Amino acid sequence: MSFNVAIVEKAKANSYFREVLATGPHSQIVVMSIPPGGEIGSEVHPDIDQVLIFVQGKGEAILNGEKSAVAVDRLVHVPAGTRHNFVNTGKTDLRLYTIYAPPEHEPGTIHKTKADAVAAHEVEYKAK
């Protein structure tokens, strides 16, 4: 299914921790919003590349232990196998859109909060 939206506007308007917008056979588009002081959480995707594009706020990228700043108009590429985390260091929500290749989440996934995402991950992990 094709997908055509004003992605920066969509990402800026998003208030959910994670919302999957589109999923294809080889990639997935997701918008995220991380509250001040919040973080995505340290993780590794063994077989998934991820590209994150920041549209609001400021924060810190931590890739394999190395820290660097992120802010509006920054793009971060996270190759498969890279331990990564993104932390909001600003006073407003850190908003972004991200592309996973291949897809990481079930199509249509919405996690309103990080707690919702953690709970869903625990359920998925127990089901395996």
N, C-alpha and C. Protein backbone atom coordinates (compact mmCIF):
# COMPACT_ATOMS: atom_id res chain seq x y z
N MET A 1 0.85 -1.18 0.00
CA MET A 1 0.00 0.00 0.00
C MET A 1 0.89 1.24 0.00
N SER A 2 0.64 2.17 -0.90
CA SER A 2 1.45 3.38 -0.96
C SER A 2 1.06 4.34 0.15
N PHE A 3 1.94 5.28 0.39
CA PHE A 3 1.79 6.18 1.54
C PHE A 3 2.36 7.53 1.14
N ASN A 4 1.59 8.60 1.30
CA ASN A 4 2.05 9.94 0.93
C ASN A 4 1.45 10.94 1.90
N VAL A 5 2.26 11.46 2.83
CA VAL A 5 1.80 12.44 3.81
C VAL A 5 2.87 13.51 3.99
N ALA A 6 2.47 14.62 4.58
CA ALA A 6 3.41 15.66 4.99
C ALA A 6 4.02 15.16 6.31
N ILE A 7 5.12 14.40 6.22
CA ILE A 7 5.64 13.65 7.36
C ILE A 7 6.13 14.55 8.49
N VAL A 8 6.72 15.68 8.19
CA VAL A 8 7.19 16.57 9.25
C VAL A 8 6.00 17.10 10.05
N GLU A 9 4.95 17.51 9.35
CA GLU A 9 3.73 17.97 10.04
C GLU A 9 3.13 16.86 10.88
N LYS A 10 3.07 15.65 10.32
CA LYS A 10 2.51 14.50 11.03
C LYS A 10 3.34 14.21 12.30
N ALA A 11 4.66 14.25 12.18
CA ALA A 11 5.53 13.98 13.33
C ALA A 11 5.39 15.08 14.39
N LYS A 12 5.29 16.33 13.98
CA LYS A 12 5.15 17.43 14.93
C LYS A 12 3.82 17.37 15.67
N ALA A 13 2.78 16.87 15.01
CA ALA A 13 1.45 16.79 15.61
C ALA A 13 1.28 15.57 16.51
N ASN A 14 2.18 14.59 16.39
CA ASN A 14 2.06 13.35 17.16
C ASN A 14 2.38 13.57 18.63
N SER A 15 1.54 13.04 19.50
CA SER A 15 1.82 13.11 20.94
C SER A 15 2.00 11.72 21.56
N TYR A 16 1.90 10.68 20.75
CA TYR A 16 2.09 9.32 21.24
C TYR A 16 3.58 8.97 21.28
N PHE A 17 3.96 8.10 22.20
CA PHE A 17 5.33 7.62 22.25
C PHE A 17 5.69 6.97 20.92
N ARG A 18 4.79 6.16 20.39
CA ARG A 18 5.06 5.48 19.11
C ARG A 18 3.75 5.25 18.36
N GLU A 19 3.74 5.58 17.07
CA GLU A 19 2.62 5.24 16.21
C GLU A 19 3.16 4.81 14.85
N VAL A 20 2.82 3.59 14.46
CA VAL A 20 3.21 3.07 13.15
C VAL A 20 2.26 3.66 12.11
N LEU A 21 2.84 4.34 11.13
CA LEU A 21 2.01 4.97 10.09
C LEU A 21 1.86 4.11 8.86
N ALA A 22 2.93 3.43 8.48
CA ALA A 22 2.88 2.62 7.25
C ALA A 22 3.88 1.49 7.36
N THR A 23 3.49 0.34 6.83
CA THR A 23 4.36 -0.84 6.84
C THR A 23 4.33 -1.47 5.46
N GLY A 24 5.51 -1.67 4.91
CA GLY A 24 5.66 -2.37 3.63
C GLY A 24 6.41 -3.66 3.86
N PRO A 25 6.67 -4.39 2.80
CA PRO A 25 7.38 -5.67 2.97
C PRO A 25 8.83 -5.50 3.43
N HIS A 26 9.43 -4.31 3.19
CA HIS A 26 10.85 -4.15 3.50
C HIS A 26 11.16 -2.97 4.43
N SER A 27 10.16 -2.14 4.76
CA SER A 27 10.41 -0.99 5.62
C SER A 27 9.13 -0.57 6.33
N GLN A 28 9.32 0.31 7.32
CA GLN A 28 8.19 0.76 8.13
C GLN A 28 8.44 2.20 8.56
N ILE A 29 7.38 3.01 8.58
CA ILE A 29 7.47 4.42 8.97
C ILE A 29 6.71 4.61 10.28
N VAL A 30 7.39 5.22 11.26
CA VAL A 30 6.85 5.38 12.60
C VAL A 30 7.11 6.81 13.07
N VAL A 31 6.15 7.43 13.77
CA VAL A 31 6.38 8.71 14.43
C VAL A 31 6.49 8.46 15.92
N MET A 32 7.32 9.28 16.59
CA MET A 32 7.54 9.11 18.03
C MET A 32 7.57 10.48 18.70
N SER A 33 7.19 10.50 19.98
CA SER A 33 7.27 11.69 20.80
C SER A 33 7.80 11.26 22.17
N ILE A 34 8.92 11.86 22.58
CA ILE A 34 9.56 11.51 23.84
C ILE A 34 9.46 12.73 24.75
N PRO A 35 8.84 12.59 25.92
CA PRO A 35 8.66 13.75 26.81
C PRO A 35 9.98 14.22 27.42
N PRO A 36 10.02 15.47 27.92
CA PRO A 36 11.24 15.96 28.57
C PRO A 36 11.71 15.00 29.65
N GLY A 37 13.00 14.69 29.63
CA GLY A 37 13.57 13.75 30.59
C GLY A 37 13.37 12.30 30.22
N GLY A 38 12.59 12.03 29.19
CA GLY A 38 12.31 10.66 28.77
C GLY A 38 13.35 10.14 27.81
N GLU A 39 13.22 8.86 27.49
CA GLU A 39 14.15 8.21 26.57
C GLU A 39 13.45 7.07 25.86
N ILE A 40 14.02 6.66 24.74
CA ILE A 40 13.50 5.49 24.04
C ILE A 40 13.83 4.24 24.83
N GLY A 41 15.02 4.20 25.39
CA GLY A 41 15.49 3.02 26.13
C GLY A 41 16.55 2.31 25.33
N SER A 42 17.60 1.89 25.98
CA SER A 42 18.71 1.24 25.31
C SER A 42 18.26 -0.08 24.69
N GLU A 43 18.59 -0.25 23.41
CA GLU A 43 18.17 -1.45 22.69
C GLU A 43 19.11 -1.74 21.53
N VAL A 44 19.01 -2.95 21.02
CA VAL A 44 19.74 -3.38 19.84
C VAL A 44 18.77 -4.11 18.93
N HIS A 45 18.77 -3.76 17.66
CA HIS A 45 18.01 -4.50 16.66
C HIS A 45 19.03 -5.31 15.85
N PRO A 46 19.15 -6.61 16.09
CA PRO A 46 20.20 -7.39 15.42
C PRO A 46 20.12 -7.40 13.89
N ASP A 47 18.91 -7.35 13.35
CA ASP A 47 18.73 -7.50 11.90
C ASP A 47 17.98 -6.33 11.27
N ILE A 48 17.91 -5.19 11.96
CA ILE A 48 17.12 -4.07 11.46
C ILE A 48 17.96 -2.80 11.47
N ASP A 49 18.01 -2.12 10.33
CA ASP A 49 18.57 -0.77 10.27
C ASP A 49 17.47 0.20 10.66
N GLN A 50 17.87 1.33 11.26
CA GLN A 50 16.90 2.35 11.65
C GLN A 50 17.46 3.72 11.30
N VAL A 51 16.61 4.57 10.74
CA VAL A 51 16.96 5.95 10.44
C VAL A 51 15.98 6.83 11.22
N LEU A 52 16.50 7.77 11.99
CA LEU A 52 15.67 8.67 12.79
C LEU A 52 15.90 10.10 12.33
N ILE A 53 14.82 10.85 12.10
CA ILE A 53 14.88 12.24 11.67
C ILE A 53 14.12 13.07 12.69
N PHE A 54 14.79 14.07 13.28
CA PHE A 54 14.23 14.85 14.37
C PHE A 54 13.59 16.13 13.85
N VAL A 55 12.36 16.41 14.32
CA VAL A 55 11.60 17.55 13.82
C VAL A 55 11.24 18.56 14.90
N GLN A 56 11.46 18.21 16.18
CA GLN A 56 11.16 19.13 17.29
C GLN A 56 11.95 18.73 18.51
N GLY A 57 12.42 19.72 19.27
CA GLY A 57 13.09 19.47 20.53
C GLY A 57 14.58 19.24 20.37
N LYS A 58 15.19 18.81 21.47
CA LYS A 58 16.62 18.49 21.44
C LYS A 58 16.88 17.32 22.37
N GLY A 59 17.95 16.63 22.08
CA GLY A 59 18.25 15.45 22.88
C GLY A 59 19.65 14.95 22.64
N GLU A 60 19.84 13.71 23.02
CA GLU A 60 21.14 13.08 22.93
C GLU A 60 20.98 11.69 22.32
N ALA A 61 21.82 11.40 21.34
CA ALA A 61 21.91 10.06 20.77
C ALA A 61 23.06 9.34 21.46
N ILE A 62 22.84 8.08 21.81
CA ILE A 62 23.90 7.26 22.40
C ILE A 62 23.99 6.02 21.53
N LEU A 63 25.09 5.93 20.76
CA LEU A 63 25.29 4.83 19.83
C LEU A 63 26.55 4.08 20.23
N ASN A 64 26.37 2.84 20.66
CA ASN A 64 27.50 2.03 21.15
C ASN A 64 28.32 2.80 22.17
N GLY A 65 27.62 3.51 23.08
CA GLY A 65 28.28 4.22 24.16
C GLY A 65 28.76 5.62 23.83
N GLU A 66 28.75 6.02 22.56
CA GLU A 66 29.20 7.35 22.16
C GLU A 66 28.00 8.29 22.09
N LYS A 67 28.14 9.45 22.76
CA LYS A 67 27.05 10.42 22.82
C LYS A 67 27.25 11.53 21.80
N SER A 68 26.13 11.98 21.23
CA SER A 68 26.13 13.14 20.33
C SER A 68 24.77 13.82 20.42
N ALA A 69 24.75 15.11 20.11
CA ALA A 69 23.52 15.88 20.20
C ALA A 69 22.61 15.61 19.01
N VAL A 70 21.30 15.66 19.27
CA VAL A 70 20.30 15.63 18.21
C VAL A 70 19.36 16.80 18.42
N ALA A 71 18.84 17.32 17.33
CA ALA A 71 17.91 18.44 17.36
C ALA A 71 17.20 18.50 16.01
N VAL A 72 16.41 19.53 15.82
CA VAL A 72 15.65 19.69 14.58
C VAL A 72 16.58 19.59 13.37
N ASP A 73 16.12 18.87 12.37
CA ASP A 73 16.81 18.67 11.09
C ASP A 73 18.03 17.76 11.18
N ARG A 74 18.18 17.00 12.26
CA ARG A 74 19.27 16.03 12.36
C ARG A 74 18.74 14.66 11.96
N LEU A 75 19.58 13.88 11.31
CA LEU A 75 19.27 12.51 10.92
C LEU A 75 20.33 11.62 11.54
N VAL A 76 19.88 10.52 12.14
CA VAL A 76 20.80 9.54 12.71
C VAL A 76 20.51 8.19 12.07
N HIS A 77 21.56 7.55 11.56
CA HIS A 77 21.45 6.21 11.00
C HIS A 77 21.98 5.22 12.03
N VAL A 78 21.18 4.23 12.38
CA VAL A 78 21.55 3.20 13.34
C VAL A 78 21.60 1.86 12.60
N PRO A 79 22.80 1.43 12.20
CA PRO A 79 22.90 0.14 11.51
C PRO A 79 22.51 -1.02 12.42
N ALA A 80 22.03 -2.08 11.83
CA ALA A 80 21.68 -3.29 12.59
C ALA A 80 22.85 -3.68 13.49
N GLY A 81 22.53 -4.10 14.71
CA GLY A 81 23.54 -4.54 15.66
C GLY A 81 24.11 -3.44 16.54
N THR A 82 23.69 -2.19 16.34
CA THR A 82 24.19 -1.06 17.12
C THR A 82 23.34 -0.87 18.38
N ARG A 83 23.97 -0.89 19.54
CA ARG A 83 23.24 -0.54 20.78
C ARG A 83 22.97 0.95 20.72
N HIS A 84 21.71 1.33 20.95
CA HIS A 84 21.35 2.74 20.83
C HIS A 84 20.27 3.15 21.83
N ASN A 85 20.28 4.43 22.12
CA ASN A 85 19.26 5.06 22.96
C ASN A 85 19.19 6.52 22.54
N PHE A 86 18.03 7.12 22.73
CA PHE A 86 17.84 8.54 22.46
C PHE A 86 17.14 9.12 23.68
N VAL A 87 17.71 10.19 24.22
CA VAL A 87 17.23 10.81 25.45
C VAL A 87 16.82 12.24 25.17
N ASN A 88 15.66 12.64 25.67
CA ASN A 88 15.21 14.02 25.54
C ASN A 88 15.88 14.86 26.63
N THR A 89 16.73 15.80 26.24
CA THR A 89 17.41 16.67 27.19
C THR A 89 16.81 18.07 27.21
N GLY A 90 15.74 18.27 26.45
CA GLY A 90 15.13 19.59 26.34
C GLY A 90 13.93 19.78 27.25
N LYS A 91 13.24 20.89 27.04
CA LYS A 91 12.08 21.26 27.86
C LYS A 91 10.76 21.01 27.15
N THR A 92 10.83 20.57 25.88
CA THR A 92 9.62 20.23 25.13
C THR A 92 9.77 18.79 24.63
N ASP A 93 8.68 18.23 24.13
CA ASP A 93 8.74 16.87 23.58
C ASP A 93 9.77 16.81 22.45
N LEU A 94 10.51 15.72 22.41
CA LEU A 94 11.43 15.42 21.32
C LEU A 94 10.62 14.60 20.32
N ARG A 95 10.39 15.18 19.14
CA ARG A 95 9.54 14.51 18.16
C ARG A 95 10.35 14.15 16.92
N LEU A 96 10.01 13.00 16.37
CA LEU A 96 10.78 12.48 15.25
C LEU A 96 9.94 11.52 14.44
N TYR A 97 10.45 11.22 13.25
CA TYR A 97 9.93 10.07 12.51
C TYR A 97 11.11 9.16 12.25
N THR A 98 10.80 7.89 12.16
CA THR A 98 11.84 6.89 12.00
C THR A 98 11.42 5.86 10.98
N ILE A 99 12.42 5.33 10.30
CA ILE A 99 12.19 4.28 9.31
C ILE A 99 12.97 3.05 9.73
N TYR A 100 12.27 1.95 9.85
CA TYR A 100 12.88 0.65 10.15
C TYR A 100 12.95 -0.15 8.86
N ALA A 101 14.06 -0.84 8.64
CA ALA A 101 14.17 -1.71 7.47
C ALA A 101 14.91 -2.97 7.89
N PRO A 102 14.25 -4.10 7.91
CA PRO A 102 12.82 -4.35 7.66
C PRO A 102 11.96 -3.85 8.83
N PRO A 103 10.63 -3.99 8.72
CA PRO A 103 9.73 -3.52 9.78
C PRO A 103 10.05 -4.14 11.14
N GLU A 104 9.80 -3.36 12.19
CA GLU A 104 10.05 -3.80 13.57
C GLU A 104 8.76 -4.10 14.32
N HIS A 105 7.70 -3.32 14.06
CA HIS A 105 6.46 -3.41 14.84
C HIS A 105 5.31 -3.93 13.97
N GLU A 106 4.30 -4.44 14.64
CA GLU A 106 3.10 -4.87 13.93
C GLU A 106 2.45 -3.66 13.25
N PRO A 107 1.95 -3.81 12.03
CA PRO A 107 1.26 -2.70 11.37
C PRO A 107 0.15 -2.15 12.26
N GLY A 108 0.03 -0.82 12.29
CA GLY A 108 -1.02 -0.17 13.07
C GLY A 108 -0.72 -0.02 14.55
N THR A 109 0.45 -0.43 15.00
CA THR A 109 0.80 -0.34 16.42
C THR A 109 0.73 1.11 16.90
N ILE A 110 0.10 1.30 18.06
CA ILE A 110 0.11 2.59 18.75
C ILE A 110 0.45 2.32 20.21
N HIS A 111 1.49 2.99 20.69
CA HIS A 111 1.84 2.98 22.11
C HIS A 111 1.73 4.42 22.57
N LYS A 112 0.71 4.72 23.36
CA LYS A 112 0.50 6.10 23.80
C LYS A 112 1.62 6.59 24.71
N THR A 113 2.20 5.67 25.49
CA THR A 113 3.29 6.02 26.40
C THR A 113 4.40 4.98 26.29
N LYS A 114 5.56 5.33 26.86
CA LYS A 114 6.65 4.35 26.89
C LYS A 114 6.24 3.15 27.72
N ALA A 115 5.49 3.38 28.81
CA ALA A 115 5.03 2.27 29.65
C ALA A 115 4.18 1.30 28.83
N ASP A 116 3.34 1.82 27.94
CA ASP A 116 2.55 0.97 27.05
C ASP A 116 3.47 0.14 26.14
N ALA A 117 4.53 0.77 25.63
CA ALA A 117 5.46 0.08 24.76
C ALA A 117 6.20 -1.03 25.50
N VAL A 118 6.64 -0.74 26.72
CA VAL A 118 7.34 -1.74 27.53
C VAL A 118 6.42 -2.91 27.83
N ALA A 119 5.18 -2.62 28.22
CA ALA A 119 4.22 -3.69 28.53
C ALA A 119 3.95 -4.56 27.30
N ALA A 120 3.79 -3.93 26.14
CA ALA A 120 3.53 -4.69 24.92
C ALA A 120 4.73 -5.56 24.56
N HIS A 121 5.94 -5.04 24.74
CA HIS A 121 7.14 -5.81 24.45
C HIS A 121 7.23 -7.03 25.37
N GLU A 122 6.89 -6.86 26.64
CA GLU A 122 6.93 -7.98 27.58
C GLU A 122 5.93 -9.07 27.18
N VAL A 123 4.76 -8.67 26.71
CA VAL A 123 3.75 -9.64 26.26
C VAL A 123 4.27 -10.36 25.02
N GLU A 124 4.87 -9.62 24.06
CA GLU A 124 5.41 -10.24 22.85
C GLU A 124 6.53 -11.21 23.21
N TYR A 125 7.40 -10.84 24.15
CA TYR A 125 8.53 -11.67 24.55
C TYR A 125 8.05 -12.97 25.19
N LYS A 126 7.03 -12.89 26.05
CA LYS A 126 6.50 -14.09 26.71
C LYS A 126 5.81 -15.01 25.71
N ALA A 127 5.25 -14.44 24.63
CA ALA A 127 4.55 -15.24 23.64
C ALA A 127 5.52 -16.05 22.77
N LYS A 128 6.79 -15.65 22.73
CA LYS A 128 7.77 -16.33 21.86
C LYS A 128 8.29 -17.58 22.46
